[in-house]
Amino acid sequence: MAIDLFAGARVRDFQAARPWWERLLGGEPAFLPHETEAVWTLDEHRHVYIVEDAETPGGAAITLFVDDLEDRVAAIGARGIEPAERETYSNGVRKVTYRDPDGNEIGFGGPPQ
C-alpha cells in the first residue's frame, strides 16, 4: 500500500503567508491545489502544505528530521528567517524550531554532531 504524507498548517491570509513559507522551505510550491493552498514536496511521498483558514489559523506542529541540519539552518538564515528556539536533547539529537506569523511551528531535527 502506497502512502503519501501531507502535513499542513492553517494560515490567516494565504497571500501574506506564502512568501514566508517559500523562504523557509527554499522555493516555490510544487503545486497549488486551489487559490488558497500551496504544497511543497520535500521528498517522494512527503509534502508540507499551507491553506488559508482565517477563522482558525495556527496550531500546527510539524517536525522534519534531516541529516544536514546546520547547512539547512544556515540556508534558511540566508533567506532572512531565524529560529525561534534551538534545543539539544540528552541523547545529542538537535532541534531548531521556527514559527510563522500565525503561530504554526515547524521544526528541523538532526542527529548528534
PDB file of N, CA and C in Angstrom:
ATOM      1  N   MET A   1       0.842  -1.173   0.000  1.00  0.00           N
ATOM      2  CA  MET A   1       0.000   0.000   0.000  1.00  0.00           C
ATOM      3  C   MET A   1       0.893   1.244   0.000  1.00  0.00           C
ATOM      4  N   ALA A   2       0.697   2.118  -0.960  1.00  0.00           N
ATOM      5  CA  ALA A   2       1.450   3.372  -1.027  1.00  0.00           C
ATOM      6  C   ALA A   2       0.769   4.420  -0.147  1.00  0.00           C
ATOM      7  N   ILE A   3       1.579   5.186   0.555  1.00  0.00           N
ATOM      8  CA  ILE A   3       1.062   6.239   1.420  1.00  0.00           C
ATOM      9  C   ILE A   3       1.854   7.511   1.152  1.00  0.00           C
ATOM     10  N   ASP A   4       1.153   8.609   0.933  1.00  0.00           N
ATOM     11  CA  ASP A   4       1.772   9.926   0.851  1.00  0.00           C
ATOM     12  C   ASP A   4       1.407  10.673   2.117  1.00  0.00           C
ATOM     13  N   LEU A   5       2.371  11.365   2.704  1.00  0.00           N
ATOM     14  CA  LEU A   5       2.135  12.151   3.907  1.00  0.00           C
ATOM     15  C   LEU A   5       2.033  13.618   3.531  1.00  0.00           C
ATOM     16  N   PHE A   6       0.945  14.268   3.946  1.00  0.00           N
ATOM     17  CA  PHE A   6       0.738  15.698   3.773  1.00  0.00           C
ATOM     18  C   PHE A   6       0.585  16.297   5.171  1.00  0.00           C
ATOM     19  N   ALA A   7       1.565  17.100   5.599  1.00  0.00           N
ATOM     20  CA  ALA A   7       1.496  17.786   6.886  1.00  0.00           C
ATOM     21  C   ALA A   7       1.126  19.233   6.609  1.00  0.00           C
ATOM     22  N   GLY A   8       0.063  19.716   7.252  1.00  0.00           N
ATOM     23  CA  GLY A   8      -0.454  21.021   6.905  1.00  0.00           C
ATOM     24  C   GLY A   8      -0.473  22.029   8.025  1.00  0.00           C
ATOM     25  N   ALA A   9      -0.477  23.296   7.619  1.00  0.00           N
ATOM     26  CA  ALA A   9      -0.566  24.419   8.544  1.00  0.00           C
ATOM     27  C   ALA A   9      -1.633  25.377   8.035  1.00  0.00           C
ATOM     28  N   ARG A  10      -2.510  25.783   8.943  1.00  0.00           N
ATOM     29  CA  ARG A  10      -3.549  26.757   8.594  1.00  0.00           C
ATOM     30  C   ARG A  10      -2.998  28.169   8.801  1.00  0.00           C
ATOM     31  N   VAL A  11      -3.253  29.031   7.818  1.00  0.00           N
ATOM     32  CA  VAL A  11      -2.785  30.415   7.891  1.00  0.00           C
ATOM     33  C   VAL A  11      -3.965  31.370   7.724  1.00  0.00           C
ATOM     34  N   ARG A  12      -3.852  32.519   8.357  1.00  0.00           N
ATOM     35  CA  ARG A  12      -4.932  33.515   8.327  1.00  0.00           C
ATOM     36  C   ARG A  12      -5.103  34.106   6.927  1.00  0.00           C
ATOM     37  N   ASP A  13      -3.989  34.424   6.261  1.00  0.00           N
ATOM     38  CA  ASP A  13      -4.023  35.085   4.964  1.00  0.00           C
ATOM     39  C   ASP A  13      -3.011  34.396   4.052  1.00  0.00           C
ATOM     40  N   PHE A  14      -3.496  33.626   3.102  1.00  0.00           N
ATOM     41  CA  PHE A  14      -2.640  32.826   2.227  1.00  0.00           C
ATOM     42  C   PHE A  14      -1.605  33.687   1.490  1.00  0.00           C
ATOM     43  N   GLN A  15      -2.046  34.790   0.903  1.00  0.00           N
ATOM     44  CA  GLN A  15      -1.121  35.628   0.118  1.00  0.00           C
ATOM     45  C   GLN A  15      -0.018  36.221   1.000  1.00  0.00           C
ATOM     46  N   ALA A  16      -0.335  36.566   2.226  1.00  0.00           N
ATOM     47  CA  ALA A  16       0.674  37.108   3.141  1.00  0.00           C
ATOM     48  C   ALA A  16       1.601  36.017   3.663  1.00  0.00           C
ATOM     49  N   ALA A  17       1.096  34.809   3.870  1.00  0.00           N
ATOM     50  CA  ALA A  17       1.874  33.719   4.451  1.00  0.00           C
ATOM     51  C   ALA A  17       2.799  33.042   3.458  1.00  0.00           C
ATOM     52  N   ARG A  18       2.380  32.947   2.218  1.00  0.00           N
ATOM     53  CA  ARG A  18       3.140  32.169   1.224  1.00  0.00           C
ATOM     54  C   ARG A  18       4.611  32.582   1.104  1.00  0.00           C
ATOM     55  N   PRO A  19       4.958  33.879   1.038  1.00  0.00           N
ATOM     56  CA  PRO A  19       6.378  34.236   0.912  1.00  0.00           C
ATOM     57  C   PRO A  19       7.237  33.752   2.087  1.00  0.00           C
ATOM     58  N   TRP A  20       6.698  33.791   3.301  1.00  0.00           N
ATOM     59  CA  TRP A  20       7.456  33.312   4.468  1.00  0.00           C
ATOM     60  C   TRP A  20       7.756  31.827   4.316  1.00  0.00           C
ATOM     61  N   TRP A  21       6.761  31.045   3.925  1.00  0.00           N
ATOM     62  CA  TRP A  21       6.941  29.613   3.757  1.00  0.00           C
ATOM     63  C   TRP A  21       7.872  29.305   2.585  1.00  0.00           C
ATOM     64  N   GLU A  22       7.830  30.102   1.537  1.00  0.00           N
ATOM     65  CA  GLU A  22       8.764  29.911   0.420  1.00  0.00           C
ATOM     66  C   GLU A  22      10.200  30.141   0.873  1.00  0.00           C
ATOM     67  N   ARG A  23      10.415  31.170   1.697  1.00  0.00           N
ATOM     68  CA  ARG A  23      11.762  31.415   2.224  1.00  0.00           C
ATOM     69  C   ARG A  23      12.183  30.285   3.152  1.00  0.00           C
ATOM     70  N   LEU A  24      11.292  29.824   4.015  1.00  0.00           N
ATOM     71  CA  LEU A  24      11.625  28.741   4.933  1.00  0.00           C
ATOM     72  C   LEU A  24      11.976  27.463   4.180  1.00  0.00           C
ATOM     73  N   LEU A  25      11.165  27.106   3.203  1.00  0.00           N
ATOM     74  CA  LEU A  25      11.346  25.824   2.506  1.00  0.00           C
ATOM     75  C   LEU A  25      12.229  25.932   1.267  1.00  0.00           C
ATOM     76  N   GLY A  26      12.656  27.125   0.930  1.00  0.00           N
ATOM     77  CA  GLY A  26      13.662  27.276  -0.107  1.00  0.00           C
ATOM     78  C   GLY A  26      13.168  27.367  -1.532  1.00  0.00           C
ATOM     79  N   GLY A  27      11.900  27.662  -1.733  1.00  0.00           N
ATOM     80  CA  GLY A  27      11.446  27.824  -3.105  1.00  0.00           C
ATOM     81  C   GLY A  27       9.943  27.830  -3.248  1.00  0.00           C
ATOM     82  N   GLU A  28       9.544  27.880  -4.496  1.00  0.00           N
ATOM     83  CA  GLU A  28       8.127  27.884  -4.854  1.00  0.00           C
ATOM     84  C   GLU A  28       7.472  26.557  -4.485  1.00  0.00           C
ATOM     85  N   PRO A  29       6.167  26.558  -4.278  1.00  0.00           N
ATOM     86  CA  PRO A  29       5.452  25.300  -4.038  1.00  0.00           C
ATOM     87  C   PRO A  29       5.544  24.373  -5.251  1.00  0.00           C
ATOM     88  N   ALA A  30       5.409  23.094  -4.994  1.00  0.00           N
ATOM     89  CA  ALA A  30       5.375  22.108  -6.079  1.00  0.00           C
ATOM     90  C   ALA A  30       4.079  22.222  -6.867  1.00  0.00           C
ATOM     91  N   PHE A  31       2.987  22.504  -6.142  1.00  0.00           N
ATOM     92  CA  PHE A  31       1.714  22.699  -6.821  1.00  0.00           C
ATOM     93  C   PHE A  31       0.749  23.469  -5.934  1.00  0.00           C
ATOM     94  N   LEU A  32      -0.268  24.024  -6.586  1.00  0.00           N
ATOM     95  CA  LEU A  32      -1.296  24.826  -5.924  1.00  0.00           C
ATOM     96  C   LEU A  32      -2.643  24.145  -6.175  1.00  0.00           C
ATOM     97  N   PRO A  33      -3.172  23.400  -5.185  1.00  0.00           N
ATOM     98  CA  PRO A  33      -4.441  22.708  -5.389  1.00  0.00           C
ATOM     99  C   PRO A  33      -5.607  23.649  -5.689  1.00  0.00           C
ATOM    100  N   HIS A  34      -5.590  24.831  -5.090  1.00  0.00           N
ATOM    101  CA  HIS A  34      -6.585  25.863  -5.372  1.00  0.00           C
ATOM    102  C   HIS A  34      -5.981  27.199  -4.971  1.00  0.00           C
ATOM    103  N   GLU A  35      -6.728  28.273  -5.088  1.00  0.00           N
ATOM    104  CA  GLU A  35      -6.158  29.609  -4.941  1.00  0.00           C
ATOM    105  C   GLU A  35      -5.691  29.967  -3.530  1.00  0.00           C
ATOM    106  N   THR A  36      -6.045  29.190  -2.520  1.00  0.00           N
ATOM    107  CA  THR A  36      -5.581  29.498  -1.160  1.00  0.00           C
ATOM    108  C   THR A  36      -4.905  28.295  -0.500  1.00  0.00           C
ATOM    109  N   GLU A  37      -4.214  27.499  -1.306  1.00  0.00           N
ATOM    110  CA  GLU A  37      -3.457  26.356  -0.776  1.00  0.00           C
ATOM    111  C   GLU A  37      -2.198  26.158  -1.615  1.00  0.00           C
ATOM    112  N   ALA A  38      -1.076  25.902  -0.937  1.00  0.00           N
ATOM    113  CA  ALA A  38       0.193  25.634  -1.603  1.00  0.00           C
ATOM    114  C   ALA A  38       0.822  24.397  -0.982  1.00  0.00           C
ATOM    115  N   VAL A  39       1.416  23.548  -1.833  1.00  0.00           N
ATOM    116  CA  VAL A  39       2.028  22.298  -1.382  1.00  0.00           C
ATOM    117  C   VAL A  39       3.483  22.254  -1.837  1.00  0.00           C
ATOM    118  N   TRP A  40       4.379  21.981  -0.898  1.00  0.00           N
ATOM    119  CA  TRP A  40       5.791  21.767  -1.197  1.00  0.00           C
ATOM    120  C   TRP A  40       6.078  20.285  -1.048  1.00  0.00           C
ATOM    121  N   THR A  41       6.712  19.697  -2.037  1.00  0.00           N
ATOM    122  CA  THR A  41       7.122  18.299  -1.971  1.00  0.00           C
ATOM    123  C   THR A  41       8.554  18.281  -1.443  1.00  0.00           C
ATOM    124  N   LEU A  42       8.737  17.690  -0.262  1.00  0.00           N
ATOM    125  CA  LEU A  42      10.047  17.665   0.378  1.00  0.00           C
ATOM    126  C   LEU A  42      10.870  16.470  -0.074  1.00  0.00           C
ATOM    127  N   ASP A  43      10.188  15.387  -0.372  1.00  0.00           N
ATOM    128  CA  ASP A  43      10.809  14.152  -0.840  1.00  0.00           C
ATOM    129  C   ASP A  43       9.674  13.299  -1.389  1.00  0.00           C
ATOM    130  N   GLU A  44      10.010  12.211  -1.980  1.00  0.00           N
ATOM    131  CA  GLU A  44       8.965  11.363  -2.545  1.00  0.00           C
ATOM    132  C   GLU A  44       7.947  10.983  -1.470  1.00  0.00           C
ATOM    133  N   HIS A  45       6.688  11.260  -1.741  1.00  0.00           N
ATOM    134  CA  HIS A  45       5.568  10.926  -0.850  1.00  0.00           C
ATOM    135  C   HIS A  45       5.538  11.737   0.448  1.00  0.00           C
ATOM    136  N   ARG A  46       6.294  12.841   0.514  1.00  0.00           N
ATOM    137  CA  ARG A  46       6.358  13.655   1.732  1.00  0.00           C
ATOM    138  C   ARG A  46       6.153  15.120   1.368  1.00  0.00           C
ATOM    139  N   HIS A  47       5.074  15.693   1.896  1.00  0.00           N
ATOM    140  CA  HIS A  47       4.668  17.038   1.499  1.00  0.00           C
ATOM    141  C   HIS A  47       4.306  17.879   2.718  1.00  0.00           C
ATOM    142  N   VAL A  48       4.515  19.186   2.606  1.00  0.00           N
ATOM    143  CA  VAL A  48       4.058  20.160   3.587  1.00  0.00           C
ATOM    144  C   VAL A  48       3.190  21.155   2.835  1.00  0.00           C
ATOM    145  N   TYR A  49       2.081  21.535   3.444  1.00  0.00           N
ATOM    146  CA  TYR A  49       1.213  22.489   2.770  1.00  0.00           C
ATOM    147  C   TYR A  49       0.711  23.547   3.738  1.00  0.00           C
ATOM    148  N   ILE A  50       0.329  24.694   3.159  1.00  0.00           N
ATOM    149  CA  ILE A  50      -0.391  25.720   3.899  1.00  0.00           C
ATOM    150  C   ILE A  50      -1.728  25.914   3.211  1.00  0.00           C
ATOM    151  N   VAL A  51      -2.723  26.245   4.018  1.00  0.00           N
ATOM    152  CA  VAL A  51      -4.058  26.507   3.477  1.00  0.00           C
ATOM    153  C   VAL A  51      -4.679  27.635   4.283  1.00  0.00           C
ATOM    154  N   GLU A  52      -5.344  28.521   3.578  1.00  0.00           N
ATOM    155  CA  GLU A  52      -5.978  29.647   4.259  1.00  0.00           C
ATOM    156  C   GLU A  52      -7.171  29.177   5.083  1.00  0.00           C
ATOM    157  N   ASP A  53      -7.190  29.626   6.334  1.00  0.00           N
ATOM    158  CA  ASP A  53      -8.307  29.364   7.242  1.00  0.00           C
ATOM    159  C   ASP A  53      -8.338  30.546   8.208  1.00  0.00           C
ATOM    160  N   ALA A  54      -8.993  31.608   7.811  1.00  0.00           N
ATOM    161  CA  ALA A  54      -8.990  32.856   8.571  1.00  0.00           C
ATOM    162  C   ALA A  54      -9.602  32.711   9.954  1.00  0.00           C
ATOM    163  N   GLU A  55     -10.457  31.722  10.139  1.00  0.00           N
ATOM    164  CA  GLU A  55     -11.131  31.573  11.434  1.00  0.00           C
ATOM    165  C   GLU A  55     -10.326  30.790  12.458  1.00  0.00           C
ATOM    166  N   THR A  56      -9.486  29.849  12.025  1.00  0.00           N
ATOM    167  CA  THR A  56      -8.709  29.042  12.980  1.00  0.00           C
ATOM    168  C   THR A  56      -7.272  28.839  12.515  1.00  0.00           C
ATOM    169  N   PRO A  57      -6.514  29.929  12.304  1.00  0.00           N
ATOM    170  CA  PRO A  57      -5.130  29.766  11.867  1.00  0.00           C
ATOM    171  C   PRO A  57      -4.237  29.309  13.008  1.00  0.00           C
ATOM    172  N   GLY A  58      -3.059  28.812  12.638  1.00  0.00           N
ATOM    173  CA  GLY A  58      -2.053  28.439  13.628  1.00  0.00           C
ATOM    174  C   GLY A  58      -2.307  27.078  14.238  1.00  0.00           C
ATOM    175  N   GLY A  59      -1.432  26.713  15.134  1.00  0.00           N
ATOM    176  CA  GLY A  59      -1.591  25.478  15.880  1.00  0.00           C
ATOM    177  C   GLY A  59      -0.881  24.270  15.317  1.00  0.00           C
ATOM    178  N   ALA A  60      -0.305  24.366  14.113  1.00  0.00           N
ATOM    179  CA  ALA A  60       0.396  23.212  13.550  1.00  0.00           C
ATOM    180  C   ALA A  60       1.718  23.005  14.272  1.00  0.00           C
ATOM    181  N   ALA A  61       2.120  21.761  14.391  1.00  0.00           N
ATOM    182  CA  ALA A  61       3.425  21.400  14.941  1.00  0.00           C
ATOM    183  C   ALA A  61       3.998  20.324  14.026  1.00  0.00           C
ATOM    184  N   ILE A  62       4.909  20.732  13.160  1.00  0.00           N
ATOM    185  CA  ILE A  62       5.493  19.855  12.155  1.00  0.00           C
ATOM    186  C   ILE A  62       6.983  19.752  12.438  1.00  0.00           C
ATOM    187  N   THR A  63       7.522  18.549  12.433  1.00  0.00           N
ATOM    188  CA  THR A  63       8.961  18.368  12.600  1.00  0.00           C
ATOM    189  C   THR A  63       9.487  17.486  11.480  1.00  0.00           C
ATOM    190  N   LEU A  64      10.566  17.935  10.869  1.00  0.00           N
ATOM    191  CA  LEU A  64      11.245  17.194   9.816  1.00  0.00           C
ATOM    192  C   LEU A  64      12.628  16.825  10.321  1.00  0.00           C
ATOM    193  N   PHE A  65      13.020  15.571  10.201  1.00  0.00           N
ATOM    194  CA  PHE A  65      14.353  15.140  10.626  1.00  0.00           C
ATOM    195  C   PHE A  65      15.237  15.091   9.397  1.00  0.00           C
ATOM    196  N   VAL A  66      16.346  15.833   9.432  1.00  0.00           N
ATOM    197  CA  VAL A  66      17.227  15.949   8.274  1.00  0.00           C
ATOM    198  C   VAL A  66      18.660  15.607   8.670  1.00  0.00           C
ATOM    199  N   ASP A  67      19.466  15.204   7.698  1.00  0.00           N
ATOM    200  CA  ASP A  67      20.857  14.866   8.016  1.00  0.00           C
ATOM    201  C   ASP A  67      21.797  16.048   7.830  1.00  0.00           C
ATOM    202  N   ASP A  68      21.291  17.170   7.326  1.00  0.00           N
ATOM    203  CA  ASP A  68      22.104  18.352   7.063  1.00  0.00           C
ATOM    204  C   ASP A  68      21.603  19.557   7.861  1.00  0.00           C
ATOM    205  N   LEU A  69      21.346  19.373   9.136  1.00  0.00           N
ATOM    206  CA  LEU A  69      20.676  20.401   9.937  1.00  0.00           C
ATOM    207  C   LEU A  69      21.384  21.749   9.888  1.00  0.00           C
ATOM    208  N   GLU A  70      22.667  21.789  10.145  1.00  0.00           N
ATOM    209  CA  GLU A  70      23.371  23.080  10.204  1.00  0.00           C
ATOM    210  C   GLU A  70      23.376  23.775   8.853  1.00  0.00           C
ATOM    211  N   ASP A  71      23.559  23.028   7.778  1.00  0.00           N
ATOM    212  CA  ASP A  71      23.511  23.630   6.439  1.00  0.00           C
ATOM    213  C   ASP A  71      22.128  24.176   6.144  1.00  0.00           C
ATOM    214  N   ARG A  72      21.104  23.446   6.537  1.00  0.00           N
ATOM    215  CA  ARG A  72      19.725  23.873   6.299  1.00  0.00           C
ATOM    216  C   ARG A  72      19.417  25.142   7.089  1.00  0.00           C
ATOM    217  N   VAL A  73      19.823  25.190   8.355  1.00  0.00           N
ATOM    218  CA  VAL A  73      19.582  26.373   9.195  1.00  0.00           C
ATOM    219  C   VAL A  73      20.317  27.584   8.608  1.00  0.00           C
ATOM    220  N   ALA A  74      21.533  27.380   8.132  1.00  0.00           N
ATOM    221  CA  ALA A  74      22.293  28.471   7.519  1.00  0.00           C
ATOM    222  C   ALA A  74      21.599  28.970   6.250  1.00  0.00           C
ATOM    223  N   ALA A  75      21.078  28.055   5.434  1.00  0.00           N
ATOM    224  CA  ALA A  75      20.387  28.450   4.200  1.00  0.00           C
ATOM    225  C   ALA A  75      19.104  29.214   4.513  1.00  0.00           C
ATOM    226  N   ILE A  76      18.370  28.751   5.513  1.00  0.00           N
ATOM    227  CA  ILE A  76      17.142  29.458   5.904  1.00  0.00           C
ATOM    228  C   ILE A  76      17.495  30.846   6.438  1.00  0.00           C
ATOM    229  N   GLY A  77      18.552  30.934   7.234  1.00  0.00           N
ATOM    230  CA  GLY A  77      19.006  32.225   7.745  1.00  0.00           C
ATOM    231  C   GLY A  77      19.404  33.181   6.627  1.00  0.00           C
ATOM    232  N   ALA A  78      20.032  32.653   5.578  1.00  0.00           N
ATOM    233  CA  ALA A  78      20.419  33.487   4.441  1.00  0.00           C
ATOM    234  C   ALA A  78      19.198  34.028   3.710  1.00  0.00           C
ATOM    235  N   ARG A  79      18.061  33.357   3.888  1.00  0.00           N
ATOM    236  CA  ARG A  79      16.812  33.828   3.280  1.00  0.00           C
ATOM    237  C   ARG A  79      16.018  34.714   4.241  1.00  0.00           C
ATOM    238  N   GLY A  80      16.623  35.065   5.397  1.00  0.00           N
ATOM    239  CA  GLY A  80      16.029  36.048   6.290  1.00  0.00           C
ATOM    240  C   GLY A  80      15.141  35.523   7.395  1.00  0.00           C
ATOM    241  N   ILE A  81      15.212  34.230   7.686  1.00  0.00           N
ATOM    242  CA  ILE A  81      14.392  33.677   8.769  1.00  0.00           C
ATOM    243  C   ILE A  81      15.317  33.059   9.813  1.00  0.00           C
ATOM    244  N   GLU A  82      15.136  33.465  11.043  1.00  0.00           N
ATOM    245  CA  GLU A  82      15.942  32.948  12.148  1.00  0.00           C
ATOM    246  C   GLU A  82      15.092  32.038  13.034  1.00  0.00           C
ATOM    247  N   PRO A  83      15.709  31.034  13.659  1.00  0.00           N
ATOM    248  CA  PRO A  83      14.958  30.131  14.525  1.00  0.00           C
ATOM    249  C   PRO A  83      14.406  30.835  15.763  1.00  0.00           C
ATOM    250  N   ALA A  84      13.266  30.355  16.229  1.00  0.00           N
ATOM    251  CA  ALA A  84      12.692  30.825  17.484  1.00  0.00           C
ATOM    252  C   ALA A  84      13.349  30.109  18.658  1.00  0.00           C
ATOM    253  N   GLU A  85      13.760  28.859  18.441  1.00  0.00           N
ATOM    254  CA  GLU A  85      14.373  28.057  19.510  1.00  0.00           C
ATOM    255  C   GLU A  85      15.397  27.098  18.923  1.00  0.00           C
ATOM    256  N   ARG A  86      16.370  26.744  19.754  1.00  0.00           N
ATOM    257  CA  ARG A  86      17.336  25.683  19.450  1.00  0.00           C
ATOM    258  C   ARG A  86      17.416  24.801  20.685  1.00  0.00           C
ATOM    259  N   GLU A  87      17.374  23.495  20.474  1.00  0.00           N
ATOM    260  CA  GLU A  87      17.440  22.553  21.592  1.00  0.00           C
ATOM    261  C   GLU A  87      18.418  21.435  21.256  1.00  0.00           C
ATOM    262  N   THR A  88      19.030  20.878  22.283  1.00  0.00           N
ATOM    263  CA  THR A  88      19.808  19.649  22.153  1.00  0.00           C
ATOM    264  C   THR A  88      19.330  18.725  23.252  1.00  0.00           C
ATOM    265  N   TYR A  89      18.845  17.566  22.864  1.00  0.00           N
ATOM    266  CA  TYR A  89      18.313  16.592  23.822  1.00  0.00           C
ATOM    267  C   TYR A  89      19.455  15.805  24.466  1.00  0.00           C
ATOM    268  N   SER A  90      19.158  15.104  25.530  1.00  0.00           N
ATOM    269  CA  SER A  90      20.184  14.379  26.286  1.00  0.00           C
ATOM    270  C   SER A  90      20.913  13.336  25.437  1.00  0.00           C
ATOM    271  N   ASN A  91      20.281  12.853  24.377  1.00  0.00           N
ATOM    272  CA  ASN A  91      20.942  11.872  23.505  1.00  0.00           C
ATOM    273  C   ASN A  91      21.729  12.534  22.376  1.00  0.00           C
ATOM    274  N   GLY A  92      21.798  13.873  22.386  1.00  0.00           N
ATOM    275  CA  GLY A  92      22.559  14.608  21.387  1.00  0.00           C
ATOM    276  C   GLY A  92      21.768  15.041  20.166  1.00  0.00           C
ATOM    277  N   VAL A  93      20.542  14.547  20.018  1.00  0.00           N
ATOM    278  CA  VAL A  93      19.699  14.961  18.891  1.00  0.00           C
ATOM    279  C   VAL A  93      19.380  16.438  19.050  1.00  0.00           C
ATOM    280  N   ARG A  94      19.420  17.154  17.930  1.00  0.00           N
ATOM    281  CA  ARG A  94      19.205  18.598  17.946  1.00  0.00           C
ATOM    282  C   ARG A  94      17.893  18.941  17.252  1.00  0.00           C
ATOM    283  N   LYS A  95      17.283  20.051  17.673  1.00  0.00           N
ATOM    284  CA  LYS A  95      16.059  20.531  17.044  1.00  0.00           C
ATOM    285  C   LYS A  95      16.108  22.052  16.977  1.00  0.00           C
ATOM    286  N   VAL A  96      15.764  22.566  15.808  1.00  0.00           N
ATOM    287  CA  VAL A  96      15.677  24.001  15.580  1.00  0.00           C
ATOM    288  C   VAL A  96      14.232  24.287  15.187  1.00  0.00           C
ATOM    289  N   THR A  97      13.603  25.221  15.880  1.00  0.00           N
ATOM    290  CA  THR A  97      12.186  25.497  15.676  1.00  0.00           C
ATOM    291  C   THR A  97      11.985  26.897  15.110  1.00  0.00           C
ATOM    292  N   TYR A  98      11.104  26.968  14.114  1.00  0.00           N
ATOM    293  CA  TYR A  98      10.688  28.233  13.505  1.00  0.00           C
ATOM    294  C   TYR A  98       9.192  28.390  13.745  1.00  0.00           C
ATOM    295  N   ARG A  99       8.731  29.633  13.828  1.00  0.00           N
ATOM    296  CA  ARG A  99       7.297  29.913  13.965  1.00  0.00           C
ATOM    297  C   ARG A  99       6.896  30.949  12.928  1.00  0.00           C
ATOM    298  N   ASP A 100       5.832  30.648  12.209  1.00  0.00           N
ATOM    299  CA  ASP A 100       5.332  31.621  11.234  1.00  0.00           C
ATOM    300  C   ASP A 100       4.497  32.675  11.960  1.00  0.00           C
ATOM    301  N   PRO A 101       4.116  33.750  11.282  1.00  0.00           N
ATOM    302  CA  PRO A 101       3.347  34.810  11.939  1.00  0.00           C
ATOM    303  C   PRO A 101       1.993  34.360  12.502  1.00  0.00           C
ATOM    304  N   ASP A 102       1.463  33.217  12.046  1.00  0.00           N
ATOM    305  CA  ASP A 102       0.196  32.706  12.563  1.00  0.00           C
ATOM    306  C   ASP A 102       0.376  31.775  13.752  1.00  0.00           C
ATOM    307  N   GLY A 103       1.618  31.510  14.157  1.00  0.00           N
ATOM    308  CA  GLY A 103       1.865  30.646  15.300  1.00  0.00           C
ATOM    309  C   GLY A 103       2.082  29.183  14.951  1.00  0.00           C
ATOM    310  N   ASN A 104       2.135  28.850  13.668  1.00  0.00           N
ATOM    311  CA  ASN A 104       2.461  27.485  13.280  1.00  0.00           C
ATOM    312  C   ASN A 104       3.931  27.235  13.581  1.00  0.00           C
ATOM    313  N   GLU A 105       4.231  26.041  14.039  1.00  0.00           N
ATOM    314  CA  GLU A 105       5.598  25.666  14.389  1.00  0.00           C
ATOM    315  C   GLU A 105       6.102  24.642  13.391  1.00  0.00           C
ATOM    316  N   ILE A 106       7.278  24.902  12.837  1.00  0.00           N
ATOM    317  CA  ILE A 106       7.933  23.895  12.001  1.00  0.00           C
ATOM    318  C   ILE A 106       9.343  23.736  12.518  1.00  0.00           C
ATOM    319  N   GLY A 107       9.673  22.517  12.879  1.00  0.00           N
ATOM    320  CA  GLY A 107      10.979  22.227  13.444  1.00  0.00           C
ATOM    321  C   GLY A 107      11.782  21.349  12.503  1.00  0.00           C
ATOM    322  N   PHE A 108      13.087  21.506  12.579  1.00  0.00           N
ATOM    323  CA  PHE A 108      14.012  20.638  11.855  1.00  0.00           C
ATOM    324  C   PHE A 108      14.890  19.983  12.899  1.00  0.00           C
ATOM    325  N   GLY A 109      14.900  18.663  12.907  1.00  0.00           N
ATOM    326  CA  GLY A 109      15.736  17.914  13.821  1.00  0.00           C
ATOM    327  C   GLY A 109      16.931  17.348  13.078  1.00  0.00           C
ATOM    328  N   GLY A 110      17.983  17.066  13.825  1.00  0.00           N
ATOM    329  CA  GLY A 110      19.173  16.498  13.221  1.00  0.00           C
ATOM    330  C   GLY A 110      19.876  15.567  14.192  1.00  0.00           C
ATOM    331  N   PRO A 111      20.697  14.680  13.654  1.00  0.00           N
ATOM    332  CA  PRO A 111      21.410  13.723  14.501  1.00  0.00           C
ATOM    333  C   PRO A 111      22.465  14.425  15.367  1.00  0.00           C
ATOM    334  N   PRO A 112      22.949  13.739  16.374  1.00  0.00           N
ATOM    335  CA  PRO A 112      24.022  14.314  17.197  1.00  0.00           C
ATOM    336  C   PRO A 112      25.218  14.689  16.327  1.00  0.00           C
ATOM    337  N   GLN A 113      25.930  15.717  16.744  1.00  0.00           N
ATOM    338  CA  GLN A 113      27.115  16.143  15.973  1.00  0.00           C
ATOM    339  C   GLN A 113      28.286  15.269  16.286  1.00  0.00           C
TER     340      GLN A 113
END
